[in-house]
Amino acid sequence: MKIQLPVTDHSNFSYTACLGFLGRSDRECLHQVVDGRIYKMMVYEGQPVLLCITEDREQQSLVAEVLYTGEGAVSAEAVRGYVTQWLHLDADLRSFYAFAAVDPVLGPLVARYKGLRLIGIPDLFEALTWTITGQQISLPFAYTLRKRFVTAFGYALEHGGATHYVYPVPEVVTAVPAEWMTDMQYSRGKAAYIHVIAAAMASGQLDGQRLKEMGYSDALQYLRSFKGIGNWSANYVLMKYARFPEALPLEDAGLHNALRRQLALPAKPTLKEVSALTAHWGEHAAYATFYLWYSFLEPGKLPLGYPDAE
C-alpha cells in the first residue's frame, strides 16, 4: 500500500535538508534513514505500522509505503496525518522566509538551508520525556538513555534485517517501578518526573488535544504546572509537538551557541542578551530556533541545546 503525501508550499521544501536533520545521529532508534528512504513506526488503533517514506519529485510529494500493519488494515488518512505532522508537510514558509531574508542572523541560514521543515515529535509522551531525559547531560548519553527506555518499555519489530521501535505508552511506564529506570542510569529525579508525566497522561489529566486547542500562554502555563516541566521543556514541546510558531526555548544552550557563532560574539550571550536578540522573532520564533540548531549540523551529529538546568 502506497500513500501520496502532499507537500504544502513545495517550492520551499527540501527533502534532502530534512534527511540531513533526520540522519544527524547514529544513536537514533526511533527512525532510520537509509539510501534516501526514511523508515518510521507509527501506531494505528493500537497496532504497529511500519512506513517507508520516499520522495516523488514528479508529483511534488512524498510517498509512504506501508511495509507492516500488524493485524488489520491501516487508514491512509491516518498515515498522511501522522507523517504530515512529523515532517510539517503542511507548513507554508513564505512568511518566515520574507521575515528572515532581511534579518542579519537568519538571512544567511534560510538561504543556505532553504526548504528545511521543522521536524516535530508527533507523540506528546515522547516529546515530554525526551526533554526530561536530556536535561544536564550530553546529547550522546541522552540518546543512550532513550534507547534503553524504548527497548525496555516500547515495541520492537524485526523487518528487512533491521529493528524498528515504537515509543512506550504512558500506561506501560506507570505499571513498572521507577527503580527500573534508575537501573538504566536515569537519575531518581528524572525517573520520578517521567512517572508523574506518565500517570498524568494515563489518567487524562494531561491531554495532547486539549493542549493544542489552547492559546500559547495558557498552553505554556498548563505544561509548567506538571513537576519536571520548566520553561525550556514546555517551549520545546509546544514547538515540536503542538506546533506553536511563537514557541521559543529561550534557555536553550544550542540556541545561545548558534547566536554566538552567527554574530561572532566573543562569548556565549547571557539569557538577557538572548532575550533581546530574539525579541522581534514573534510568530517566527520556532522556525528561527530550528534553523539556528541546524546550523550546527555536522556529519553524524547535531548538538541539541539542552539547558544547563530547569
C-alpha atoms as a PDB file:
ATOM      1  CA  MET A   1       0.000   0.000   0.000  1.00  0.00           C
ATOM      2  CA  LYS A   2       1.452   3.330  -1.104  1.00  0.00           C
ATOM      3  CA  ILE A   3       0.058   6.655   0.069  1.00  0.00           C
ATOM      4  CA  GLN A   4       0.732  10.031  -1.536  1.00  0.00           C
ATOM      5  CA  LEU A   5       1.665  12.740   0.965  1.00  0.00           C
ATOM      6  CA  PRO A   6       1.003  16.244  -0.401  1.00  0.00           C
ATOM      7  CA  VAL A   7       3.538  18.944   0.457  1.00  0.00           C
ATOM      8  CA  THR A   8       2.256  22.478   1.003  1.00  0.00           C
ATOM      9  CA  ASP A   9       4.455  25.261  -0.443  1.00  0.00           C
ATOM     10  CA  HIS A  10       6.514  22.663  -2.303  1.00  0.00           C
ATOM     11  CA  SER A  11       8.841  25.283  -3.805  1.00  0.00           C
ATOM     12  CA  ASN A  12      10.043  25.840  -0.244  1.00  0.00           C
ATOM     13  CA  PHE A  13      10.517  22.175   0.614  1.00  0.00           C
ATOM     14  CA  SER A  14      13.783  20.250   0.565  1.00  0.00           C
ATOM     15  CA  TYR A  15      13.633  16.521   1.206  1.00  0.00           C
ATOM     16  CA  THR A  16      17.436  16.498   1.274  1.00  0.00           C
ATOM     17  CA  ALA A  17      17.593  19.081   4.070  1.00  0.00           C
ATOM     18  CA  CYS A  18      15.041  17.126   6.093  1.00  0.00           C
ATOM     19  CA  LEU A  19      17.070  13.943   5.610  1.00  0.00           C
ATOM     20  CA  GLY A  20      20.094  15.827   6.909  1.00  0.00           C
ATOM     21  CA  PHE A  21      18.347  16.514  10.188  1.00  0.00           C
ATOM     22  CA  LEU A  22      16.790  13.062  10.494  1.00  0.00           C
ATOM     23  CA  GLY A  23      20.114  11.354   9.837  1.00  0.00           C
ATOM     24  CA  ARG A  24      22.073  13.503  12.272  1.00  0.00           C
ATOM     25  CA  SER A  25      22.856  10.770  14.810  1.00  0.00           C
ATOM     26  CA  ASP A  26      23.775   7.110  14.508  1.00  0.00           C
ATOM     27  CA  ARG A  27      22.319   6.690  18.009  1.00  0.00           C
ATOM     28  CA  GLU A  28      18.776   7.406  16.836  1.00  0.00           C
ATOM     29  CA  CYS A  29      16.466   4.411  17.374  1.00  0.00           C
ATOM     30  CA  LEU A  30      13.000   5.747  16.501  1.00  0.00           C
ATOM     31  CA  HIS A  31      13.576   6.142  12.777  1.00  0.00           C
ATOM     32  CA  GLN A  32      16.190   5.126  10.230  1.00  0.00           C
ATOM     33  CA  VAL A  33      17.494   6.891   7.138  1.00  0.00           C
ATOM     34  CA  VAL A  34      18.900   4.515   4.518  1.00  0.00           C
ATOM     35  CA  ASP A  35      19.721   5.475   0.914  1.00  0.00           C
ATOM     36  CA  GLY A  36      17.264   8.353   0.866  1.00  0.00           C
ATOM     37  CA  ARG A  37      14.490   6.331   2.492  1.00  0.00           C
ATOM     38  CA  ILE A  38      13.013   7.055   5.916  1.00  0.00           C
ATOM     39  CA  TYR A  39      11.796   4.096   7.966  1.00  0.00           C
ATOM     40  CA  LYS A  40       9.423   5.003  10.775  1.00  0.00           C
ATOM     41  CA  MET A  41       6.975   3.159  13.024  1.00  0.00           C
ATOM     42  CA  MET A  42       3.610   4.616  13.998  1.00  0.00           C
ATOM     43  CA  VAL A  43       0.625   3.202  15.865  1.00  0.00           C
ATOM     44  CA  TYR A  44      -2.862   2.921  14.377  1.00  0.00           C
ATOM     45  CA  GLU A  45      -5.739   1.685  16.543  1.00  0.00           C
ATOM     46  CA  GLY A  46      -3.288   0.011  18.890  1.00  0.00           C
ATOM     47  CA  GLN A  47      -1.389  -1.761  16.106  1.00  0.00           C
ATOM     48  CA  PRO A  48       2.198  -1.041  14.991  1.00  0.00           C
ATOM     49  CA  VAL A  49       2.623   0.186  11.433  1.00  0.00           C
ATOM     50  CA  LEU A  50       5.992   0.344   9.663  1.00  0.00           C
ATOM     51  CA  LEU A  51       6.359   3.010   6.980  1.00  0.00           C
ATOM     52  CA  CYS A  52       8.968   3.624   4.304  1.00  0.00           C
ATOM     53  CA  ILE A  53       8.912   7.258   3.177  1.00  0.00           C
ATOM     54  CA  THR A  54      10.440   8.451  -0.096  1.00  0.00           C
ATOM     55  CA  GLU A  55      10.243  11.486  -2.359  1.00  0.00           C
ATOM     56  CA  ASP A  56       8.179  11.628  -5.542  1.00  0.00           C
ATOM     57  CA  ARG A  57       9.643  14.605  -7.386  1.00  0.00           C
ATOM     58  CA  GLU A  58       7.324  14.310 -10.379  1.00  0.00           C
ATOM     59  CA  GLN A  59       4.245  14.598  -8.167  1.00  0.00           C
ATOM     60  CA  GLN A  60       5.938  17.134  -5.862  1.00  0.00           C
ATOM     61  CA  SER A  61       5.022  14.992  -2.897  1.00  0.00           C
ATOM     62  CA  LEU A  62       6.285  12.281  -0.612  1.00  0.00           C
ATOM     63  CA  VAL A  63       5.140   8.672  -0.669  1.00  0.00           C
ATOM     64  CA  ALA A  64       4.616   6.460   2.372  1.00  0.00           C
ATOM     65  CA  GLU A  65       4.715   2.738   1.667  1.00  0.00           C
ATOM     66  CA  VAL A  66       3.177   0.560   4.374  1.00  0.00           C
ATOM     67  CA  LEU A  67       5.569  -2.336   4.975  1.00  0.00           C
ATOM     68  CA  TYR A  68       3.857  -3.873   8.006  1.00  0.00           C
ATOM     69  CA  THR A  69       0.486  -3.371   9.670  1.00  0.00           C
ATOM     70  CA  GLY A  70       0.186  -5.989  12.399  1.00  0.00           C
ATOM     71  CA  GLU A  71      -3.464  -7.091  12.453  1.00  0.00           C
ATOM     72  CA  GLY A  72      -5.834  -5.373  10.066  1.00  0.00           C
ATOM     73  CA  ALA A  73      -5.541  -2.542   7.572  1.00  0.00           C
ATOM     74  CA  VAL A  74      -4.310   0.955   8.234  1.00  0.00           C
ATOM     75  CA  SER A  75      -6.114   4.154   7.280  1.00  0.00           C
ATOM     76  CA  ALA A  76      -4.415   6.163   4.540  1.00  0.00           C
ATOM     77  CA  GLU A  77      -5.730   9.306   6.199  1.00  0.00           C
ATOM     78  CA  ALA A  78      -4.089   8.335   9.493  1.00  0.00           C
ATOM     79  CA  VAL A  79      -0.738   7.737   7.805  1.00  0.00           C
ATOM     80  CA  ARG A  80      -0.995  11.001   5.914  1.00  0.00           C
ATOM     81  CA  GLY A  81      -1.842  12.901   9.086  1.00  0.00           C
ATOM     82  CA  TYR A  82       0.959  11.335  11.102  1.00  0.00           C
ATOM     83  CA  VAL A  83       3.736  11.976   8.583  1.00  0.00           C
ATOM     84  CA  THR A  84       2.418  15.448   7.795  1.00  0.00           C
ATOM     85  CA  GLN A  85       2.584  16.384  11.469  1.00  0.00           C
ATOM     86  CA  TRP A  86       6.017  14.812  11.927  1.00  0.00           C
ATOM     87  CA  LEU A  87       7.676  16.452   8.909  1.00  0.00           C
ATOM     88  CA  HIS A  88       5.482  19.588   8.903  1.00  0.00           C
ATOM     89  CA  LEU A  89       4.430  18.956   5.315  1.00  0.00           C
ATOM     90  CA  ASP A  90       1.515  21.377   5.662  1.00  0.00           C
ATOM     91  CA  ALA A  91       3.737  24.343   6.567  1.00  0.00           C
ATOM     92  CA  ASP A  92       3.828  27.465   4.420  1.00  0.00           C
ATOM     93  CA  LEU A  93       7.272  29.016   4.845  1.00  0.00           C
ATOM     94  CA  ARG A  94       6.777  32.114   2.705  1.00  0.00           C
ATOM     95  CA  SER A  95       6.043  34.440   5.624  1.00  0.00           C
ATOM     96  CA  PHE A  96       9.003  33.140   7.633  1.00  0.00           C
ATOM     97  CA  TYR A  97      11.346  33.434   4.662  1.00  0.00           C
ATOM     98  CA  ALA A  98      10.248  37.005   3.964  1.00  0.00           C
ATOM     99  CA  PHE A  99      10.880  37.866   7.610  1.00  0.00           C
ATOM    100  CA  ALA A 100      14.217  36.068   7.763  1.00  0.00           C
ATOM    101  CA  ALA A 101      15.547  37.440   4.464  1.00  0.00           C
ATOM    102  CA  VAL A 102      16.108  40.895   5.976  1.00  0.00           C
ATOM    103  CA  ASP A 103      17.411  39.617   9.317  1.00  0.00           C
ATOM    104  CA  PRO A 104      21.228  39.631   9.668  1.00  0.00           C
ATOM    105  CA  VAL A 105      21.252  36.400  11.690  1.00  0.00           C
ATOM    106  CA  LEU A 106      18.545  34.418   9.919  1.00  0.00           C
ATOM    107  CA  GLY A 107      19.063  35.638   6.351  1.00  0.00           C
ATOM    108  CA  PRO A 108      22.168  33.551   5.605  1.00  0.00           C
ATOM    109  CA  LEU A 109      20.577  30.490   7.226  1.00  0.00           C
ATOM    110  CA  VAL A 110      17.371  30.472   5.181  1.00  0.00           C
ATOM    111  CA  ALA A 111      19.417  30.969   2.017  1.00  0.00           C
ATOM    112  CA  ARG A 112      21.673  28.050   2.919  1.00  0.00           C
ATOM    113  CA  TYR A 113      19.005  25.670   4.227  1.00  0.00           C
ATOM    114  CA  LYS A 114      16.057  26.604   2.027  1.00  0.00           C
ATOM    115  CA  GLY A 115      13.286  24.043   2.233  1.00  0.00           C
ATOM    116  CA  LEU A 116      14.104  22.677   5.668  1.00  0.00           C
ATOM    117  CA  ARG A 117      10.962  21.895   7.648  1.00  0.00           C
ATOM    118  CA  LEU A 118      10.749  21.930  11.429  1.00  0.00           C
ATOM    119  CA  ILE A 119      10.853  18.202  12.131  1.00  0.00           C
ATOM    120  CA  GLY A 120       8.494  17.523  15.002  1.00  0.00           C
ATOM    121  CA  ILE A 121       7.625  14.846  17.534  1.00  0.00           C
ATOM    122  CA  PRO A 122       4.061  13.608  16.906  1.00  0.00           C
ATOM    123  CA  ASP A 123       3.775  11.853  20.291  1.00  0.00           C
ATOM    124  CA  LEU A 124       3.283  14.050  23.374  1.00  0.00           C
ATOM    125  CA  PHE A 125       4.649  11.475  25.813  1.00  0.00           C
ATOM    126  CA  GLU A 126       7.796  11.110  23.722  1.00  0.00           C
ATOM    127  CA  ALA A 127       8.253  14.877  23.457  1.00  0.00           C
ATOM    128  CA  LEU A 128       7.874  15.432  27.206  1.00  0.00           C
ATOM    129  CA  THR A 129      10.033  12.529  28.335  1.00  0.00           C
ATOM    130  CA  TRP A 130      12.743  13.410  25.803  1.00  0.00           C
ATOM    131  CA  THR A 131      13.105  16.860  27.347  1.00  0.00           C
ATOM    132  CA  ILE A 132      13.336  15.352  30.837  1.00  0.00           C
ATOM    133  CA  THR A 133      15.812  12.696  29.723  1.00  0.00           C
ATOM    134  CA  GLY A 134      18.247  15.183  28.211  1.00  0.00           C
ATOM    135  CA  GLN A 135      18.469  17.751  30.985  1.00  0.00           C
ATOM    136  CA  GLN A 136      22.015  18.370  32.287  1.00  0.00           C
ATOM    137  CA  ILE A 137      23.638  15.513  30.335  1.00  0.00           C
ATOM    138  CA  SER A 138      25.351  15.233  26.951  1.00  0.00           C
ATOM    139  CA  LEU A 139      23.274  14.550  23.854  1.00  0.00           C
ATOM    140  CA  PRO A 140      25.008  11.200  23.120  1.00  0.00           C
ATOM    141  CA  PHE A 141      24.202   9.971  26.636  1.00  0.00           C
ATOM    142  CA  ALA A 142      20.625  11.227  26.260  1.00  0.00           C
ATOM    143  CA  TYR A 143      20.279   9.075  23.134  1.00  0.00           C
ATOM    144  CA  THR A 144      21.721   6.105  25.046  1.00  0.00           C
ATOM    145  CA  LEU A 145      19.223   6.522  27.874  1.00  0.00           C
ATOM    146  CA  ARG A 146      16.344   6.897  25.455  1.00  0.00           C
ATOM    147  CA  LYS A 147      17.251   3.689  23.641  1.00  0.00           C
ATOM    148  CA  ARG A 148      17.343   1.809  26.948  1.00  0.00           C
ATOM    149  CA  PHE A 149      13.937   3.261  27.799  1.00  0.00           C
ATOM    150  CA  VAL A 150      12.480   2.380  24.389  1.00  0.00           C
ATOM    151  CA  THR A 151      13.850  -1.161  24.285  1.00  0.00           C
ATOM    152  CA  ALA A 152      12.653  -1.856  27.838  1.00  0.00           C
ATOM    153  CA  PHE A 153       9.132  -0.444  27.598  1.00  0.00           C
ATOM    154  CA  GLY A 154       8.340   0.021  23.901  1.00  0.00           C
ATOM    155  CA  TYR A 155       7.541  -2.294  20.994  1.00  0.00           C
ATOM    156  CA  ALA A 156      10.144  -3.736  18.623  1.00  0.00           C
ATOM    157  CA  LEU A 157       9.677  -5.142  15.131  1.00  0.00           C
ATOM    158  CA  GLU A 158      12.280  -7.027  13.117  1.00  0.00           C
ATOM    159  CA  HIS A 159      11.848  -6.274   9.433  1.00  0.00           C
ATOM    160  CA  GLY A 160      14.234  -6.294   6.499  1.00  0.00           C
ATOM    161  CA  GLY A 161      17.227  -7.081   8.661  1.00  0.00           C
ATOM    162  CA  ALA A 162      16.672  -4.096  10.963  1.00  0.00           C
ATOM    163  CA  THR A 163      14.923  -3.472  14.274  1.00  0.00           C
ATOM    164  CA  HIS A 164      12.263  -0.772  14.351  1.00  0.00           C
ATOM    165  CA  TYR A 165      10.778   0.643  17.551  1.00  0.00           C
ATOM    166  CA  VAL A 166       7.566   2.227  18.780  1.00  0.00           C
ATOM    167  CA  TYR A 167       7.900   4.606  21.716  1.00  0.00           C
ATOM    168  CA  PRO A 168       6.492   3.373  25.053  1.00  0.00           C
ATOM    169  CA  VAL A 169       2.981   4.367  26.065  1.00  0.00           C
ATOM    170  CA  PRO A 170       2.295   6.022  29.442  1.00  0.00           C
ATOM    171  CA  GLU A 171       0.222   3.092  30.730  1.00  0.00           C
ATOM    172  CA  VAL A 172       3.197   0.728  30.459  1.00  0.00           C
ATOM    173  CA  VAL A 173       5.555   3.109  32.251  1.00  0.00           C
ATOM    174  CA  THR A 174       3.157   3.692  35.152  1.00  0.00           C
ATOM    175  CA  ALA A 175       2.890  -0.071  35.643  1.00  0.00           C
ATOM    176  CA  VAL A 176       6.576  -0.552  36.479  1.00  0.00           C
ATOM    177  CA  PRO A 177       8.574   0.724  39.473  1.00  0.00           C
ATOM    178  CA  ALA A 178      10.654   3.867  38.992  1.00  0.00           C
ATOM    179  CA  GLU A 179      13.672   1.838  40.141  1.00  0.00           C
ATOM    180  CA  TRP A 180      13.677   0.114  36.771  1.00  0.00           C
ATOM    181  CA  MET A 181      14.626   3.437  35.234  1.00  0.00           C
ATOM    182  CA  THR A 182      17.332   4.206  37.773  1.00  0.00           C
ATOM    183  CA  ASP A 183      18.849   0.831  36.869  1.00  0.00           C
ATOM    184  CA  MET A 184      19.146   2.245  33.322  1.00  0.00           C
ATOM    185  CA  GLN A 185      21.136   5.201  34.776  1.00  0.00           C
ATOM    186  CA  TYR A 186      18.272   7.658  34.931  1.00  0.00           C
ATOM    187  CA  SER A 187      18.600   9.852  38.000  1.00  0.00           C
ATOM    188  CA  ARG A 188      15.990   9.346  40.714  1.00  0.00           C
ATOM    189  CA  GLY A 189      14.607  12.790  39.965  1.00  0.00           C
ATOM    190  CA  LYS A 190      14.190  12.128  36.236  1.00  0.00           C
ATOM    191  CA  ALA A 191      12.626   8.721  36.868  1.00  0.00           C
ATOM    192  CA  ALA A 192      10.143  10.335  39.251  1.00  0.00           C
ATOM    193  CA  TYR A 193       9.321  13.144  36.800  1.00  0.00           C
ATOM    194  CA  ILE A 194       8.703  10.682  33.964  1.00  0.00           C
ATOM    195  CA  HIS A 195       6.416   8.653  36.224  1.00  0.00           C
ATOM    196  CA  VAL A 196       4.473  11.810  37.077  1.00  0.00           C
ATOM    197  CA  ILE A 197       4.037  12.638  33.385  1.00  0.00           C
ATOM    198  CA  ALA A 198       3.088   9.048  32.522  1.00  0.00           C
ATOM    199  CA  ALA A 199       0.466   8.963  35.271  1.00  0.00           C
ATOM    200  CA  ALA A 200      -0.959  12.331  34.226  1.00  0.00           C
ATOM    201  CA  MET A 201      -1.299  11.199  30.620  1.00  0.00           C
ATOM    202  CA  ALA A 202      -2.685   7.775  31.509  1.00  0.00           C
ATOM    203  CA  SER A 203      -5.378   9.396  33.665  1.00  0.00           C
ATOM    204  CA  GLY A 204      -6.248  12.027  31.067  1.00  0.00           C
ATOM    205  CA  GLN A 205      -5.116  14.890  33.300  1.00  0.00           C
ATOM    206  CA  LEU A 206      -2.509  15.777  30.666  1.00  0.00           C
ATOM    207  CA  ASP A 207      -4.044  15.676  27.206  1.00  0.00           C
ATOM    208  CA  GLY A 208      -2.453  16.498  23.864  1.00  0.00           C
ATOM    209  CA  GLN A 209      -5.615  17.565  22.081  1.00  0.00           C
ATOM    210  CA  ARG A 210      -6.535  19.887  24.921  1.00  0.00           C
ATOM    211  CA  LEU A 211      -3.040  21.368  24.759  1.00  0.00           C
ATOM    212  CA  LYS A 212      -3.307  22.090  21.031  1.00  0.00           C
ATOM    213  CA  GLU A 213      -6.630  23.864  21.487  1.00  0.00           C
ATOM    214  CA  MET A 214      -5.196  26.348  23.999  1.00  0.00           C
ATOM    215  CA  GLY A 215      -3.605  29.684  23.286  1.00  0.00           C
ATOM    216  CA  TYR A 216       0.166  29.860  23.643  1.00  0.00           C
ATOM    217  CA  SER A 217       0.259  31.465  27.118  1.00  0.00           C
ATOM    218  CA  ASP A 218      -2.310  29.059  28.541  1.00  0.00           C
ATOM    219  CA  ALA A 219      -0.549  26.065  26.988  1.00  0.00           C
ATOM    220  CA  LEU A 220       2.767  27.173  28.470  1.00  0.00           C
ATOM    221  CA  GLN A 221       1.231  27.562  31.921  1.00  0.00           C
ATOM    222  CA  TYR A 222      -0.587  24.225  31.588  1.00  0.00           C
ATOM    223  CA  LEU A 223       2.619  22.301  30.850  1.00  0.00           C
ATOM    224  CA  ARG A 224       4.618  24.079  33.525  1.00  0.00           C
ATOM    225  CA  SER A 225       2.075  23.012  36.137  1.00  0.00           C
ATOM    226  CA  PHE A 226       3.479  19.464  35.917  1.00  0.00           C
ATOM    227  CA  LYS A 227       6.508  18.608  38.008  1.00  0.00           C
ATOM    228  CA  GLY A 228       9.681  18.310  35.955  1.00  0.00           C
ATOM    229  CA  ILE A 229       8.485  20.626  33.161  1.00  0.00           C
ATOM    230  CA  GLY A 230      10.121  24.046  33.210  1.00  0.00           C
ATOM    231  CA  ASN A 231      10.068  26.891  30.718  1.00  0.00           C
ATOM    232  CA  TRP A 232      12.565  25.301  28.333  1.00  0.00           C
ATOM    233  CA  SER A 233      10.844  21.905  28.302  1.00  0.00           C
ATOM    234  CA  ALA A 234       7.408  23.463  27.863  1.00  0.00           C
ATOM    235  CA  ASN A 235       8.503  25.613  24.922  1.00  0.00           C
ATOM    236  CA  TYR A 236      10.327  22.687  23.320  1.00  0.00           C
ATOM    237  CA  VAL A 237       7.134  20.610  23.463  1.00  0.00           C
ATOM    238  CA  LEU A 238       4.993  23.478  22.175  1.00  0.00           C
ATOM    239  CA  MET A 239       7.453  23.906  19.320  1.00  0.00           C
ATOM    240  CA  LYS A 240       7.965  20.252  18.352  1.00  0.00           C
ATOM    241  CA  TYR A 241       4.643  18.636  19.264  1.00  0.00           C
ATOM    242  CA  ALA A 242       1.919  21.284  19.406  1.00  0.00           C
ATOM    243  CA  ARG A 243       3.372  23.440  16.592  1.00  0.00           C
ATOM    244  CA  PHE A 244       3.034  26.823  18.265  1.00  0.00           C
ATOM    245  CA  PRO A 245       5.005  29.102  15.893  1.00  0.00           C
ATOM    246  CA  GLU A 246       5.882  31.553  18.693  1.00  0.00           C
ATOM    247  CA  ALA A 247       7.343  28.880  20.991  1.00  0.00           C
ATOM    248  CA  LEU A 248      10.862  29.922  21.978  1.00  0.00           C
ATOM    249  CA  PRO A 249      13.092  27.749  24.198  1.00  0.00           C
ATOM    250  CA  LEU A 250      14.943  30.820  25.429  1.00  0.00           C
ATOM    251  CA  GLU A 251      17.219  28.927  27.841  1.00  0.00           C
ATOM    252  CA  ASP A 252      18.465  26.587  25.115  1.00  0.00           C
ATOM    253  CA  ALA A 253      22.245  26.210  25.167  1.00  0.00           C
ATOM    254  CA  GLY A 254      22.382  25.285  21.484  1.00  0.00           C
ATOM    255  CA  LEU A 255      20.464  28.432  20.584  1.00  0.00           C
ATOM    256  CA  HIS A 256      22.903  30.505  22.629  1.00  0.00           C
ATOM    257  CA  ASN A 257      25.932  28.937  20.963  1.00  0.00           C
ATOM    258  CA  ALA A 258      24.435  29.323  17.493  1.00  0.00           C
ATOM    259  CA  LEU A 259      23.757  33.016  18.094  1.00  0.00           C
ATOM    260  CA  ARG A 260      27.290  33.438  19.338  1.00  0.00           C
ATOM    261  CA  ARG A 261      28.695  31.888  16.178  1.00  0.00           C
ATOM    262  CA  GLN A 262      26.393  33.719  13.755  1.00  0.00           C
ATOM    263  CA  LEU A 263      27.143  37.081  15.387  1.00  0.00           C
ATOM    264  CA  ALA A 264      30.838  36.324  16.014  1.00  0.00           C
ATOM    265  CA  LEU A 265      30.446  37.183  19.694  1.00  0.00           C
ATOM    266  CA  PRO A 266      33.480  36.822  21.979  1.00  0.00           C
ATOM    267  CA  ALA A 267      31.472  34.773  24.492  1.00  0.00           C
ATOM    268  CA  LYS A 268      28.167  32.952  24.768  1.00  0.00           C
ATOM    269  CA  PRO A 269      25.417  35.555  25.245  1.00  0.00           C
ATOM    270  CA  THR A 270      23.650  35.849  28.571  1.00  0.00           C
ATOM    271  CA  LEU A 271      19.996  34.943  28.914  1.00  0.00           C
ATOM    272  CA  LYS A 272      19.150  38.648  28.993  1.00  0.00           C
ATOM    273  CA  GLU A 273      21.119  39.213  25.780  1.00  0.00           C
ATOM    274  CA  VAL A 274      19.444  36.237  24.084  1.00  0.00           C
ATOM    275  CA  SER A 275      16.059  37.615  25.088  1.00  0.00           C
ATOM    276  CA  ALA A 276      16.935  40.941  23.459  1.00  0.00           C
ATOM    277  CA  LEU A 277      18.330  39.296  20.313  1.00  0.00           C
ATOM    278  CA  THR A 278      15.201  37.193  19.812  1.00  0.00           C
ATOM    279  CA  ALA A 279      12.524  39.652  20.981  1.00  0.00           C
ATOM    280  CA  HIS A 280      11.476  40.529  17.423  1.00  0.00           C
ATOM    281  CA  TRP A 281      11.026  36.921  16.280  1.00  0.00           C
ATOM    282  CA  GLY A 282       7.386  36.717  17.393  1.00  0.00           C
ATOM    283  CA  GLU A 283       5.451  34.162  15.368  1.00  0.00           C
ATOM    284  CA  HIS A 284       8.669  33.027  13.663  1.00  0.00           C
ATOM    285  CA  ALA A 285      10.480  32.013  16.866  1.00  0.00           C
ATOM    286  CA  ALA A 286      10.094  28.246  16.474  1.00  0.00           C
ATOM    287  CA  TYR A 287      11.437  28.156  12.917  1.00  0.00           C
ATOM    288  CA  ALA A 288      14.190  30.650  13.717  1.00  0.00           C
ATOM    289  CA  THR A 289      15.343  28.439  16.586  1.00  0.00           C
ATOM    290  CA  PHE A 290      15.243  25.308  14.458  1.00  0.00           C
ATOM    291  CA  TYR A 291      17.315  26.867  11.662  1.00  0.00           C
ATOM    292  CA  LEU A 292      19.893  28.014  14.195  1.00  0.00           C
ATOM    293  CA  TRP A 293      20.064  24.487  15.594  1.00  0.00           C
ATOM    294  CA  TYR A 294      20.508  23.145  12.081  1.00  0.00           C
ATOM    295  CA  SER A 295      23.447  25.495  11.541  1.00  0.00           C
ATOM    296  CA  PHE A 296      25.424  23.229  13.871  1.00  0.00           C
ATOM    297  CA  LEU A 297      24.802  20.174  11.722  1.00  0.00           C
ATOM    298  CA  GLU A 298      27.899  18.104  11.070  1.00  0.00           C
ATOM    299  CA  PRO A 299      28.142  14.579   9.671  1.00  0.00           C
ATOM    300  CA  GLY A 300      26.556  12.283  12.215  1.00  0.00           C
ATOM    301  CA  LYS A 301      25.651  14.736  14.939  1.00  0.00           C
ATOM    302  CA  LEU A 302      23.678  17.829  15.825  1.00  0.00           C
ATOM    303  CA  PRO A 303      24.082  19.337  19.294  1.00  0.00           C
ATOM    304  CA  LEU A 304      20.551  19.807  20.559  1.00  0.00           C
ATOM    305  CA  GLY A 305      20.918  22.512  23.151  1.00  0.00           C
ATOM    306  CA  TYR A 306      19.506  21.292  26.398  1.00  0.00           C
ATOM    307  CA  PRO A 307      19.501  23.923  29.141  1.00  0.00           C
ATOM    308  CA  ASP A 308      22.008  23.690  31.961  1.00  0.00           C
ATOM    309  CA  ALA A 309      19.134  23.247  34.425  1.00  0.00           C
ATOM    310  CA  GLU A 310      15.401  23.781  34.809  1.00  0.00           C
END
